[in-house]
Amino acid sequence: MSVIPARRVALCGLTLSVRPGHQHGSFTMSLMNATRNALPALLAAACLAVAPAQADNHAGEDAPSFTTAPLKGPLHLLQGKGGNIVASVGGDGVLLIDADYTDMAPAYARAVRELSASTDTPRFLLNTHWHLDHTGGNALWGEQGTVVMAHDNVRARMASGGRIAALGVEQGASPAEALPVVTYGDSAALHFNGDTLELQHYPNGHTDGDSVVYFAAENVVHMGDLFFKDRFPFVDMSSGGTVDGYIAGVQAVLARIDNDTVVVPGHGDVADKADLQRFADMLVATRDHVRGRLAAGASVEDVVAEGLGEKWADWANPNFITEERWIGFLAAE
């Protein structure tokens, strides 16, 4: 079998066109004249009949563990220690949404090989935002020729690095091979494995570079960290995130989806529209409560001491976004 240079592999059979976007511009990538052996797609479809299971640990007990599960059609959910990953596996190849932490990448390469039966290298990787638990694996894929796509601000932040103040974390600049090579402003569309994927940017929510990915044919949406299922979310204000922008993004997604939509959060189990609506209701109710108390003369310390009430008690994550930290986000604006 002849070997094609890695960068050409990622781009073979593609044409790229540009069209104006709503704000900054957007583009459409169309797969043209792609020829594939049908066997990988058939084997990938056969994987859908397999129940969710712990991924095979070929490297021994110390290798990172994760789970894989069929999602819908050619889509699979991969869950490790970082953000949720969705893989599209079919005749056009493999596409991943997000890449988890750096040390998880080799394990996901094995998963891609097992799902596709033909390759351990995705053709495309879409990043929902710049945080390392979603982009850590970029470098491995970029070195192998995967085309990495993300919003303009994701590339800018990854290239420069920066401090995530609320967590006291300094995220260093990413290596060149990890950076998105295709970026967009408002939105982008990708036609892949019989579906149309829309990458829609929602400004100043979790960060200033958030994208939500809609799978039109399968009626699936990957929300990145604009959705933490049944948990208070993290709003990274040092990366351009805002509570009001976060709420606006969630409400915009709710307006687009229906009761049959499969909703994949950035963290947590697969959800539906009712779960996302409950999340939105929590966001609005707690924001209005905290701002109302502050407007009435209470201090942030007063609000923390009072708490948000029993209704929202289970939404706190003692190891991440506690009630106190969530109140701090709400009060910061």
C-alpha atoms as a PDB file:
ATOM      1  CA  MET A   1       0.000   0.000   0.000  1.00  0.00           C
ATOM      2  CA  SER A   2       1.397   3.394  -0.950  1.00  0.00           C
ATOM      3  CA  VAL A   3       1.963   5.933   1.801  1.00  0.00           C
ATOM      4  CA  ILE A   4       0.602   9.452   1.379  1.00  0.00           C
ATOM      5  CA  PRO A   5       2.138  12.268   3.466  1.00  0.00           C
ATOM      6  CA  ALA A   6       0.097  12.827   6.599  1.00  0.00           C
ATOM      7  CA  ARG A   7      -1.118  16.319   5.746  1.00  0.00           C
ATOM      8  CA  ARG A   8      -2.382  15.155   2.351  1.00  0.00           C
ATOM      9  CA  VAL A   9      -4.205  12.228   3.905  1.00  0.00           C
ATOM     10  CA  ALA A  10      -6.244  14.611   5.993  1.00  0.00           C
ATOM     11  CA  LEU A  11      -7.181  16.717   2.988  1.00  0.00           C
ATOM     12  CA  CYS A  12      -7.636  14.099   0.232  1.00  0.00           C
ATOM     13  CA  GLY A  13     -11.011  14.352  -1.496  1.00  0.00           C
ATOM     14  CA  LEU A  14     -11.938  17.723   0.010  1.00  0.00           C
ATOM     15  CA  THR A  15     -12.895  21.038  -1.518  1.00  0.00           C
ATOM     16  CA  LEU A  16     -13.079  24.189   0.559  1.00  0.00           C
ATOM     17  CA  SER A  17     -15.277  27.201  -0.128  1.00  0.00           C
ATOM     18  CA  VAL A  18     -15.891  30.364   1.851  1.00  0.00           C
ATOM     19  CA  ARG A  19     -19.170  32.194   2.388  1.00  0.00           C
ATOM     20  CA  PRO A  20     -20.040  35.218   4.559  1.00  0.00           C
ATOM     21  CA  GLY A  21     -21.096  34.466   8.130  1.00  0.00           C
ATOM     22  CA  HIS A  22     -23.452  36.283  10.436  1.00  0.00           C
ATOM     23  CA  GLN A  23     -20.627  37.992  12.295  1.00  0.00           C
ATOM     24  CA  HIS A  24     -17.095  37.054  11.282  1.00  0.00           C
ATOM     25  CA  GLY A  25     -17.621  34.689   8.373  1.00  0.00           C
ATOM     26  CA  SER A  26     -18.139  30.982   8.012  1.00  0.00           C
ATOM     27  CA  PHE A  27     -17.271  28.261   5.576  1.00  0.00           C
ATOM     28  CA  THR A  28     -18.466  24.945   4.253  1.00  0.00           C
ATOM     29  CA  MET A  29     -16.250  21.941   3.662  1.00  0.00           C
ATOM     30  CA  SER A  30     -17.722  19.395   1.251  1.00  0.00           C
ATOM     31  CA  LEU A  31     -16.497  15.858   0.764  1.00  0.00           C
ATOM     32  CA  MET A  32     -16.165  15.363  -2.982  1.00  0.00           C
ATOM     33  CA  ASN A  33     -15.497  12.132  -4.871  1.00  0.00           C
ATOM     34  CA  ALA A  34     -14.470  10.312  -1.689  1.00  0.00           C
ATOM     35  CA  THR A  35     -13.881   6.644  -2.387  1.00  0.00           C
ATOM     36  CA  ARG A  36     -13.823   4.226   0.493  1.00  0.00           C
ATOM     37  CA  ASN A  37     -13.960   0.479   1.014  1.00  0.00           C
ATOM     38  CA  ALA A  38     -17.404  -0.374   2.408  1.00  0.00           C
ATOM     39  CA  LEU A  39     -16.027  -2.825   4.950  1.00  0.00           C
ATOM     40  CA  PRO A  40     -14.937  -0.281   7.600  1.00  0.00           C
ATOM     41  CA  ALA A  41     -18.387   1.305   7.579  1.00  0.00           C
ATOM     42  CA  LEU A  42     -20.076  -2.092   7.934  1.00  0.00           C
ATOM     43  CA  LEU A  43     -17.822  -3.019  10.816  1.00  0.00           C
ATOM     44  CA  ALA A  44     -18.440   0.332  12.476  1.00  0.00           C
ATOM     45  CA  ALA A  45     -22.177  -0.243  12.171  1.00  0.00           C
ATOM     46  CA  ALA A  46     -21.758  -3.646  13.764  1.00  0.00           C
ATOM     47  CA  CYS A  47     -20.199  -1.955  16.780  1.00  0.00           C
ATOM     48  CA  LEU A  48     -23.557  -0.302  17.469  1.00  0.00           C
ATOM     49  CA  ALA A  49     -24.926  -3.633  18.605  1.00  0.00           C
ATOM     50  CA  VAL A  50     -22.305  -3.928  21.337  1.00  0.00           C
ATOM     51  CA  ALA A  51     -23.373  -2.854  24.829  1.00  0.00           C
ATOM     52  CA  PRO A  52     -21.361  -0.089  26.542  1.00  0.00           C
ATOM     53  CA  ALA A  53     -18.214  -1.616  27.950  1.00  0.00           C
ATOM     54  CA  GLN A  54     -14.876  -0.722  29.427  1.00  0.00           C
ATOM     55  CA  ALA A  55     -12.401  -0.143  26.612  1.00  0.00           C
ATOM     56  CA  ASP A  56      -9.802  -2.841  26.123  1.00  0.00           C
ATOM     57  CA  ASN A  57      -6.677  -1.969  28.064  1.00  0.00           C
ATOM     58  CA  HIS A  58      -3.883  -3.256  25.834  1.00  0.00           C
ATOM     59  CA  ALA A  59      -1.168  -1.305  27.612  1.00  0.00           C
ATOM     60  CA  GLY A  60      -1.674  -2.820  31.061  1.00  0.00           C
ATOM     61  CA  GLU A  61      -3.201  -1.781  34.341  1.00  0.00           C
ATOM     62  CA  ASP A  62      -1.591   1.658  34.420  1.00  0.00           C
ATOM     63  CA  ALA A  63      -3.020   2.812  31.072  1.00  0.00           C
ATOM     64  CA  PRO A  64      -5.839   5.385  31.217  1.00  0.00           C
ATOM     65  CA  SER A  65      -9.293   3.845  31.210  1.00  0.00           C
ATOM     66  CA  PHE A  66     -12.430   5.078  29.484  1.00  0.00           C
ATOM     67  CA  THR A  67     -15.737   3.782  28.202  1.00  0.00           C
ATOM     68  CA  THR A  68     -17.233   3.627  24.734  1.00  0.00           C
ATOM     69  CA  ALA A  69     -20.917   3.364  23.892  1.00  0.00           C
ATOM     70  CA  PRO A  70     -22.979   3.583  20.708  1.00  0.00           C
ATOM     71  CA  LEU A  71     -24.844   6.870  20.543  1.00  0.00           C
ATOM     72  CA  LYS A  72     -26.886   7.053  17.345  1.00  0.00           C
ATOM     73  CA  GLY A  73     -26.206   6.023  13.755  1.00  0.00           C
ATOM     74  CA  PRO A  74     -22.455   6.324  13.115  1.00  0.00           C
ATOM     75  CA  LEU A  75     -21.914   8.218  16.373  1.00  0.00           C
ATOM     76  CA  HIS A  76     -20.224   6.879  19.498  1.00  0.00           C
ATOM     77  CA  LEU A  77     -19.665   8.398  22.947  1.00  0.00           C
ATOM     78  CA  LEU A  78     -16.211   8.104  24.523  1.00  0.00           C
ATOM     79  CA  GLN A  79     -15.858   9.089  28.179  1.00  0.00           C
ATOM     80  CA  GLY A  80     -12.508   9.266  29.956  1.00  0.00           C
ATOM     81  CA  LYS A  81     -11.275  11.709  32.575  1.00  0.00           C
ATOM     82  CA  GLY A  82     -11.816  14.937  30.632  1.00  0.00           C
ATOM     83  CA  GLY A  83     -14.597  16.246  28.430  1.00  0.00           C
ATOM     84  CA  ASN A  84     -16.965  13.912  26.629  1.00  0.00           C
ATOM     85  CA  ILE A  85     -15.874  12.893  23.130  1.00  0.00           C
ATOM     86  CA  VAL A  86     -18.197  12.065  20.240  1.00  0.00           C
ATOM     87  CA  ALA A  87     -16.771   9.988  17.385  1.00  0.00           C
ATOM     88  CA  SER A  88     -18.369   9.752  13.939  1.00  0.00           C
ATOM     89  CA  VAL A  89     -17.223   6.537  12.264  1.00  0.00           C
ATOM     90  CA  GLY A  90     -18.207   5.604   8.717  1.00  0.00           C
ATOM     91  CA  GLY A  91     -17.311   5.469   5.070  1.00  0.00           C
ATOM     92  CA  ASP A  92     -15.700   8.910   5.069  1.00  0.00           C
ATOM     93  CA  GLY A  93     -13.449   7.959   7.973  1.00  0.00           C
ATOM     94  CA  VAL A  94     -13.393   9.088  11.588  1.00  0.00           C
ATOM     95  CA  LEU A  95     -14.190  12.487  13.075  1.00  0.00           C
ATOM     96  CA  LEU A  96     -13.784  13.373  16.757  1.00  0.00           C
ATOM     97  CA  ILE A  97     -15.301  16.157  18.801  1.00  0.00           C
ATOM     98  CA  ASP A  98     -12.789  17.064  21.521  1.00  0.00           C
ATOM     99  CA  ALA A  99      -9.659  15.230  22.620  1.00  0.00           C
ATOM    100  CA  ASP A 100      -9.543  14.895  26.436  1.00  0.00           C
ATOM    101  CA  TYR A 101      -6.222  15.260  28.300  1.00  0.00           C
ATOM    102  CA  THR A 102      -2.842  14.632  26.696  1.00  0.00           C
ATOM    103  CA  ASP A 103      -2.209  11.301  28.415  1.00  0.00           C
ATOM    104  CA  MET A 104      -5.532   9.920  27.160  1.00  0.00           C
ATOM    105  CA  ALA A 105      -4.687  10.293  23.458  1.00  0.00           C
ATOM    106  CA  PRO A 106      -2.956   6.914  22.908  1.00  0.00           C
ATOM    107  CA  ALA A 107      -5.895   5.109  24.487  1.00  0.00           C
ATOM    108  CA  TYR A 108      -8.329   6.928  22.221  1.00  0.00           C
ATOM    109  CA  ALA A 109      -6.173   6.018  19.220  1.00  0.00           C
ATOM    110  CA  ARG A 110      -6.777   2.365  20.088  1.00  0.00           C
ATOM    111  CA  ALA A 111     -10.490   3.068  20.449  1.00  0.00           C
ATOM    112  CA  VAL A 112     -10.604   4.690  17.016  1.00  0.00           C
ATOM    113  CA  ARG A 113      -8.868   1.641  15.560  1.00  0.00           C
ATOM    114  CA  GLU A 114     -11.373  -0.716  17.195  1.00  0.00           C
ATOM    115  CA  LEU A 115     -14.389   1.316  16.090  1.00  0.00           C
ATOM    116  CA  SER A 116     -13.274   1.859  12.508  1.00  0.00           C
ATOM    117  CA  ALA A 117     -11.377  -1.409  11.909  1.00  0.00           C
ATOM    118  CA  SER A 118      -9.178   0.499   9.467  1.00  0.00           C
ATOM    119  CA  THR A 119      -7.393   3.461  11.073  1.00  0.00           C
ATOM    120  CA  ASP A 120      -6.333   4.929  14.391  1.00  0.00           C
ATOM    121  CA  THR A 121      -6.117   8.467  12.968  1.00  0.00           C
ATOM    122  CA  PRO A 122      -9.217  10.675  12.638  1.00  0.00           C
ATOM    123  CA  ARG A 123      -9.554  12.794   9.514  1.00  0.00           C
ATOM    124  CA  PHE A 124     -11.027  15.659  11.540  1.00  0.00           C
ATOM    125  CA  LEU A 125     -10.921  16.853  15.145  1.00  0.00           C
ATOM    126  CA  LEU A 126     -13.320  19.586  16.269  1.00  0.00           C
ATOM    127  CA  ASN A 127     -12.579  21.423  19.521  1.00  0.00           C
ATOM    128  CA  THR A 128     -15.513  22.925  21.423  1.00  0.00           C
ATOM    129  CA  HIS A 129     -13.202  25.320  23.338  1.00  0.00           C
ATOM    130  CA  TRP A 130      -9.587  25.704  24.433  1.00  0.00           C
ATOM    131  CA  HIS A 131      -9.372  24.062  27.874  1.00  0.00           C
ATOM    132  CA  LEU A 132      -6.841  21.258  28.208  1.00  0.00           C
ATOM    133  CA  ASP A 133      -9.391  18.605  29.198  1.00  0.00           C
ATOM    134  CA  HIS A 134     -10.820  19.057  25.684  1.00  0.00           C
ATOM    135  CA  THR A 135      -7.660  19.815  23.659  1.00  0.00           C
ATOM    136  CA  GLY A 136      -4.889  17.851  25.376  1.00  0.00           C
ATOM    137  CA  GLY A 137      -4.929  15.128  22.730  1.00  0.00           C
ATOM    138  CA  ASN A 138      -4.655  17.585  19.839  1.00  0.00           C
ATOM    139  CA  ALA A 139      -0.891  17.250  19.471  1.00  0.00           C
ATOM    140  CA  LEU A 140      -0.983  13.510  18.833  1.00  0.00           C
ATOM    141  CA  TRP A 141      -3.666  13.844  16.186  1.00  0.00           C
ATOM    142  CA  GLY A 142      -2.076  16.912  14.594  1.00  0.00           C
ATOM    143  CA  GLU A 143       1.239  15.094  14.227  1.00  0.00           C
ATOM    144  CA  GLN A 144      -0.573  12.325  12.363  1.00  0.00           C
ATOM    145  CA  GLY A 145      -2.253  14.659   9.886  1.00  0.00           C
ATOM    146  CA  THR A 146      -5.679  15.109  11.443  1.00  0.00           C
ATOM    147  CA  VAL A 147      -7.292  18.406  10.427  1.00  0.00           C
ATOM    148  CA  VAL A 148      -8.039  20.284  13.660  1.00  0.00           C
ATOM    149  CA  MET A 149     -10.899  22.798  13.546  1.00  0.00           C
ATOM    150  CA  ALA A 150     -12.115  25.315  16.131  1.00  0.00           C
ATOM    151  CA  HIS A 151     -13.297  28.870  16.640  1.00  0.00           C
ATOM    152  CA  ASP A 152     -10.794  31.670  15.992  1.00  0.00           C
ATOM    153  CA  ASN A 153     -10.448  32.409  19.718  1.00  0.00           C
ATOM    154  CA  VAL A 154      -9.588  28.792  20.500  1.00  0.00           C
ATOM    155  CA  ARG A 155      -6.506  28.914  18.296  1.00  0.00           C
ATOM    156  CA  ALA A 156      -5.518  32.313  19.690  1.00  0.00           C
ATOM    157  CA  ARG A 157      -5.754  31.166  23.308  1.00  0.00           C
ATOM    158  CA  MET A 158      -4.047  27.841  22.655  1.00  0.00           C
ATOM    159  CA  ALA A 159      -1.199  29.602  20.859  1.00  0.00           C
ATOM    160  CA  SER A 160      -0.560  32.060  23.683  1.00  0.00           C
ATOM    161  CA  GLY A 161      -1.635  30.106  26.752  1.00  0.00           C
ATOM    162  CA  GLY A 162      -3.073  31.878  29.749  1.00  0.00           C
ATOM    163  CA  ARG A 163      -4.166  31.757  33.354  1.00  0.00           C
ATOM    164  CA  ILE A 164      -7.522  30.237  34.297  1.00  0.00           C
ATOM    165  CA  ALA A 165      -7.910  32.458  37.326  1.00  0.00           C
ATOM    166  CA  ALA A 166     -10.879  30.798  39.025  1.00  0.00           C
ATOM    167  CA  LEU A 167      -8.979  27.508  39.213  1.00  0.00           C
ATOM    168  CA  GLY A 168      -5.551  29.001  39.855  1.00  0.00           C
ATOM    169  CA  VAL A 169      -4.251  27.141  36.804  1.00  0.00           C
ATOM    170  CA  GLU A 170      -1.744  28.336  34.232  1.00  0.00           C
ATOM    171  CA  GLN A 171      -2.409  26.630  30.896  1.00  0.00           C
ATOM    172  CA  GLY A 172       0.752  26.909  28.847  1.00  0.00           C
ATOM    173  CA  ALA A 173       0.942  27.587  25.139  1.00  0.00           C
ATOM    174  CA  SER A 174       0.153  24.536  23.035  1.00  0.00           C
ATOM    175  CA  PRO A 175       2.706  23.118  20.584  1.00  0.00           C
ATOM    176  CA  ALA A 176       2.247  24.043  16.943  1.00  0.00           C
ATOM    177  CA  GLU A 177       0.970  20.592  15.995  1.00  0.00           C
ATOM    178  CA  ALA A 178      -1.882  20.923  18.508  1.00  0.00           C
ATOM    179  CA  LEU A 179      -3.260  24.169  17.104  1.00  0.00           C
ATOM    180  CA  PRO A 180      -6.395  24.270  14.960  1.00  0.00           C
ATOM    181  CA  VAL A 181      -5.430  24.685  11.310  1.00  0.00           C
ATOM    182  CA  VAL A 182      -8.956  25.604  10.190  1.00  0.00           C
ATOM    183  CA  THR A 183     -10.757  28.292  12.182  1.00  0.00           C
ATOM    184  CA  TYR A 184     -14.005  30.187  11.786  1.00  0.00           C
ATOM    185  CA  GLY A 185     -15.860  33.143  13.255  1.00  0.00           C
ATOM    186  CA  ASP A 186     -19.597  32.639  13.553  1.00  0.00           C
ATOM    187  CA  SER A 187     -20.193  29.155  12.162  1.00  0.00           C
ATOM    188  CA  ALA A 188     -18.934  26.390   9.908  1.00  0.00           C
ATOM    189  CA  ALA A 189     -20.462  23.343   8.222  1.00  0.00           C
ATOM    190  CA  LEU A 190     -18.841  19.979   7.576  1.00  0.00           C
ATOM    191  CA  HIS A 191     -20.392  17.225   5.455  1.00  0.00           C
ATOM    192  CA  PHE A 192     -19.186  13.871   6.730  1.00  0.00           C
ATOM    193  CA  ASN A 193     -20.428  10.280   6.996  1.00  0.00           C
ATOM    194  CA  GLY A 194     -23.794  11.135   5.471  1.00  0.00           C
ATOM    195  CA  ASP A 195     -24.535  13.964   7.877  1.00  0.00           C
ATOM    196  CA  THR A 196     -24.191  17.729   7.980  1.00  0.00           C
ATOM    197  CA  LEU A 197     -22.404  19.010  11.052  1.00  0.00           C
ATOM    198  CA  GLU A 198     -22.886  22.645  11.975  1.00  0.00           C
ATOM    199  CA  LEU A 199     -20.327  24.208  14.279  1.00  0.00           C
ATOM    200  CA  GLN A 200     -22.053  27.193  15.849  1.00  0.00           C
ATOM    201  CA  HIS A 201     -20.173  29.707  17.982  1.00  0.00           C
ATOM    202  CA  TYR A 202     -21.959  31.141  21.025  1.00  0.00           C
ATOM    203  CA  PRO A 203     -19.986  34.112  22.380  1.00  0.00           C
ATOM    204  CA  ASN A 204     -18.867  34.749  25.935  1.00  0.00           C
ATOM    205  CA  GLY A 205     -20.433  31.751  27.650  1.00  0.00           C
ATOM    206  CA  HIS A 206     -18.138  29.145  29.210  1.00  0.00           C
ATOM    207  CA  THR A 207     -15.299  30.951  27.380  1.00  0.00           C
ATOM    208  CA  ASP A 208     -15.109  33.322  24.409  1.00  0.00           C
ATOM    209  CA  GLY A 209     -14.508  30.447  21.985  1.00  0.00           C
ATOM    210  CA  ASP A 210     -17.348  28.001  22.625  1.00  0.00           C
ATOM    211  CA  SER A 211     -18.825  25.996  19.769  1.00  0.00           C
ATOM    212  CA  VAL A 212     -21.831  23.687  19.826  1.00  0.00           C
ATOM    213  CA  VAL A 213     -21.880  20.941  17.176  1.00  0.00           C
ATOM    214  CA  TYR A 214     -25.217  19.961  15.626  1.00  0.00           C
ATOM    215  CA  PHE A 215     -25.590  16.674  13.716  1.00  0.00           C
ATOM    216  CA  ALA A 216     -28.565  17.392  11.450  1.00  0.00           C
ATOM    217  CA  ALA A 217     -29.383  13.883  10.205  1.00  0.00           C
ATOM    218  CA  GLU A 218     -28.945  12.124  13.549  1.00  0.00           C
ATOM    219  CA  ASN A 219     -30.541  14.918  15.622  1.00  0.00           C
ATOM    220  CA  VAL A 220     -27.640  14.932  18.067  1.00  0.00           C
ATOM    221  CA  VAL A 221     -25.981  17.980  19.594  1.00  0.00           C
ATOM    222  CA  HIS A 222     -22.623  18.125  21.404  1.00  0.00           C
ATOM    223  CA  MET A 223     -22.620  21.177  23.664  1.00  0.00           C
ATOM    224  CA  GLY A 224     -19.101  21.146  25.024  1.00  0.00           C
ATOM    225  CA  ASP A 225     -18.918  22.920  28.362  1.00  0.00           C
ATOM    226  CA  LEU A 226     -22.028  24.982  27.711  1.00  0.00           C
ATOM    227  CA  PHE A 227     -23.738  22.097  29.507  1.00  0.00           C
ATOM    228  CA  PHE A 228     -22.768  20.314  32.729  1.00  0.00           C
ATOM    229  CA  LYS A 229     -25.567  17.837  33.337  1.00  0.00           C
ATOM    230  CA  ASP A 230     -27.234  18.368  36.734  1.00  0.00           C
ATOM    231  CA  ARG A 231     -24.274  20.402  37.993  1.00  0.00           C
ATOM    232  CA  PHE A 232     -23.408  24.051  38.480  1.00  0.00           C
ATOM    233  CA  PRO A 233     -21.217  24.973  35.486  1.00  0.00           C
ATOM    234  CA  PHE A 234     -17.786  26.509  35.321  1.00  0.00           C
ATOM    235  CA  VAL A 235     -17.737  29.998  33.823  1.00  0.00           C
ATOM    236  CA  ASP A 236     -14.159  30.875  32.900  1.00  0.00           C
ATOM    237  CA  MET A 237     -14.291  34.636  33.151  1.00  0.00           C
ATOM    238  CA  SER A 238     -10.552  34.960  32.590  1.00  0.00           C
ATOM    239  CA  SER A 239     -11.124  33.344  29.167  1.00  0.00           C
ATOM    240  CA  GLY A 240     -13.993  35.642  28.221  1.00  0.00           C
ATOM    241  CA  GLY A 241     -16.852  33.677  29.765  1.00  0.00           C
ATOM    242  CA  THR A 242     -19.889  35.356  31.325  1.00  0.00           C
ATOM    243  CA  VAL A 243     -22.953  34.065  33.136  1.00  0.00           C
ATOM    244  CA  ASP A 244     -25.345  36.007  30.906  1.00  0.00           C
ATOM    245  CA  GLY A 245     -23.588  34.797  27.754  1.00  0.00           C
ATOM    246  CA  TYR A 246     -23.687  31.255  29.077  1.00  0.00           C
ATOM    247  CA  ILE A 247     -27.440  31.472  29.648  1.00  0.00           C
ATOM    248  CA  ALA A 248     -27.972  33.029  26.211  1.00  0.00           C
ATOM    249  CA  GLY A 249     -26.079  30.174  24.568  1.00  0.00           C
ATOM    250  CA  VAL A 250     -28.074  27.494  26.380  1.00  0.00           C
ATOM    251  CA  GLN A 251     -31.352  29.199  25.523  1.00  0.00           C
ATOM    252  CA  ALA A 252     -30.326  29.449  21.859  1.00  0.00           C
ATOM    253  CA  VAL A 253     -29.670  25.703  21.750  1.00  0.00           C
ATOM    254  CA  LEU A 254     -33.020  24.987  23.415  1.00  0.00           C
ATOM    255  CA  ALA A 255     -34.739  27.015  20.703  1.00  0.00           C
ATOM    256  CA  ARG A 256     -33.171  24.827  17.986  1.00  0.00           C
ATOM    257  CA  ILE A 257     -33.617  21.303  19.321  1.00  0.00           C
ATOM    258  CA  ASP A 258     -36.699  19.146  19.885  1.00  0.00           C
ATOM    259  CA  ASN A 259     -37.840  16.502  22.347  1.00  0.00           C
ATOM    260  CA  ASP A 260     -36.107  13.751  20.357  1.00  0.00           C
ATOM    261  CA  THR A 261     -32.690  15.424  20.252  1.00  0.00           C
ATOM    262  CA  VAL A 262     -29.845  13.551  21.921  1.00  0.00           C
ATOM    263  CA  VAL A 263     -27.901  16.118  23.953  1.00  0.00           C
ATOM    264  CA  VAL A 264     -24.266  15.405  24.827  1.00  0.00           C
ATOM    265  CA  PRO A 265     -22.915  17.593  27.642  1.00  0.00           C
ATOM    266  CA  GLY A 266     -19.290  18.504  28.049  1.00  0.00           C
ATOM    267  CA  HIS A 267     -19.340  16.567  31.309  1.00  0.00           C
ATOM    268  CA  GLY A 268     -21.904  14.071  32.543  1.00  0.00           C
ATOM    269  CA  ASP A 269     -24.215  11.494  31.044  1.00  0.00           C
ATOM    270  CA  VAL A 270     -26.091  11.781  27.760  1.00  0.00           C
ATOM    271  CA  ALA A 271     -29.178  13.948  28.150  1.00  0.00           C
ATOM    272  CA  ASP A 272     -32.272  15.209  26.355  1.00  0.00           C
ATOM    273  CA  LYS A 273     -34.069  18.521  25.931  1.00  0.00           C
ATOM    274  CA  ALA A 274     -35.844  18.198  29.275  1.00  0.00           C
ATOM    275  CA  ASP A 275     -32.476  17.840  31.027  1.00  0.00           C
ATOM    276  CA  LEU A 276     -31.133  20.910  29.243  1.00  0.00           C
ATOM    277  CA  GLN A 277     -34.279  22.880  30.087  1.00  0.00           C
ATOM    278  CA  ARG A 278     -33.867  21.959  33.762  1.00  0.00           C
ATOM    279  CA  PHE A 279     -30.266  23.178  33.563  1.00  0.00           C
ATOM    280  CA  ALA A 280     -31.388  26.456  31.982  1.00  0.00           C
ATOM    281  CA  ASP A 281     -34.044  26.926  34.654  1.00  0.00           C
ATOM    282  CA  MET A 282     -31.397  26.497  37.342  1.00  0.00           C
ATOM    283  CA  LEU A 283     -29.106  29.026  35.678  1.00  0.00           C
ATOM    284  CA  VAL A 284     -31.794  31.691  35.472  1.00  0.00           C
ATOM    285  CA  ALA A 285     -33.274  31.061  38.924  1.00  0.00           C
ATOM    286  CA  THR A 286     -29.965  31.128  40.775  1.00  0.00           C
ATOM    287  CA  ARG A 287     -28.708  34.145  38.830  1.00  0.00           C
ATOM    288  CA  ASP A 288     -31.862  36.113  39.582  1.00  0.00           C
ATOM    289  CA  HIS A 289     -31.805  35.089  43.238  1.00  0.00           C
ATOM    290  CA  VAL A 290     -28.205  36.129  43.814  1.00  0.00           C
ATOM    291  CA  ARG A 291     -28.515  39.397  41.940  1.00  0.00           C
ATOM    292  CA  GLY A 292     -31.743  40.164  43.738  1.00  0.00           C
ATOM    293  CA  ARG A 293     -30.121  39.689  47.130  1.00  0.00           C
ATOM    294  CA  LEU A 294     -27.142  41.821  46.150  1.00  0.00           C
ATOM    295  CA  ALA A 295     -29.451  44.563  44.874  1.00  0.00           C
ATOM    296  CA  ALA A 296     -31.252  44.458  48.215  1.00  0.00           C
ATOM    297  CA  GLY A 297     -28.007  45.225  50.021  1.00  0.00           C
ATOM    298  CA  ALA A 298     -26.727  41.782  50.936  1.00  0.00           C
ATOM    299  CA  SER A 299     -23.029  41.063  50.571  1.00  0.00           C
ATOM    300  CA  VAL A 300     -21.612  38.112  48.687  1.00  0.00           C
ATOM    301  CA  GLU A 301     -20.654  36.654  52.056  1.00  0.00           C
ATOM    302  CA  ASP A 302     -24.275  37.007  53.184  1.00  0.00           C
ATOM    303  CA  VAL A 303     -25.533  35.149  50.117  1.00  0.00           C
ATOM    304  CA  VAL A 304     -22.977  32.375  50.586  1.00  0.00           C
ATOM    305  CA  ALA A 305     -23.992  31.999  54.222  1.00  0.00           C
ATOM    306  CA  GLU A 306     -27.677  31.838  53.266  1.00  0.00           C
ATOM    307  CA  GLY A 307     -27.096  29.407  50.413  1.00  0.00           C
ATOM    308  CA  LEU A 308     -29.271  28.890  47.358  1.00  0.00           C
ATOM    309  CA  GLY A 309     -31.852  26.701  49.024  1.00  0.00           C
ATOM    310  CA  GLU A 310     -32.639  23.013  49.169  1.00  0.00           C
ATOM    311  CA  LYS A 311     -33.892  22.944  45.572  1.00  0.00           C
ATOM    312  CA  TRP A 312     -30.373  23.394  44.206  1.00  0.00           C
ATOM    313  CA  ALA A 313     -28.409  21.555  46.891  1.00  0.00           C
ATOM    314  CA  ASP A 314     -27.693  18.528  44.713  1.00  0.00           C
ATOM    315  CA  TRP A 315     -26.235  20.639  41.901  1.00  0.00           C
ATOM    316  CA  ALA A 316     -23.015  21.390  43.785  1.00  0.00           C
ATOM    317  CA  ASN A 317     -19.899  19.369  43.018  1.00  0.00           C
ATOM    318  CA  PRO A 318     -17.708  19.339  46.146  1.00  0.00           C
ATOM    319  CA  ASN A 319     -14.669  18.583  43.997  1.00  0.00           C
ATOM    320  CA  PHE A 320     -15.218  21.309  41.417  1.00  0.00           C
ATOM    321  CA  ILE A 321     -17.999  23.909  41.280  1.00  0.00           C
ATOM    322  CA  THR A 322     -19.333  24.155  44.804  1.00  0.00           C
ATOM    323  CA  GLU A 323     -22.331  26.272  45.732  1.00  0.00           C
ATOM    324  CA  GLU A 324     -19.992  28.954  47.070  1.00  0.00           C
ATOM    325  CA  ARG A 325     -17.983  29.056  43.851  1.00  0.00           C
ATOM    326  CA  TRP A 326     -21.160  29.210  41.741  1.00  0.00           C
ATOM    327  CA  ILE A 327     -22.452  32.107  43.837  1.00  0.00           C
ATOM    328  CA  GLY A 328     -19.112  33.812  43.227  1.00  0.00           C
ATOM    329  CA  PHE A 329     -19.566  33.511  39.459  1.00  0.00           C
ATOM    330  CA  LEU A 330     -23.110  34.859  39.692  1.00  0.00           C
ATOM    331  CA  ALA A 331     -22.014  37.792  41.835  1.00  0.00           C
ATOM    332  CA  ALA A 332     -19.002  38.689  39.702  1.00  0.00           C
ATOM    333  CA  GLU A 333     -21.071  40.350  36.985  1.00  0.00           C
END
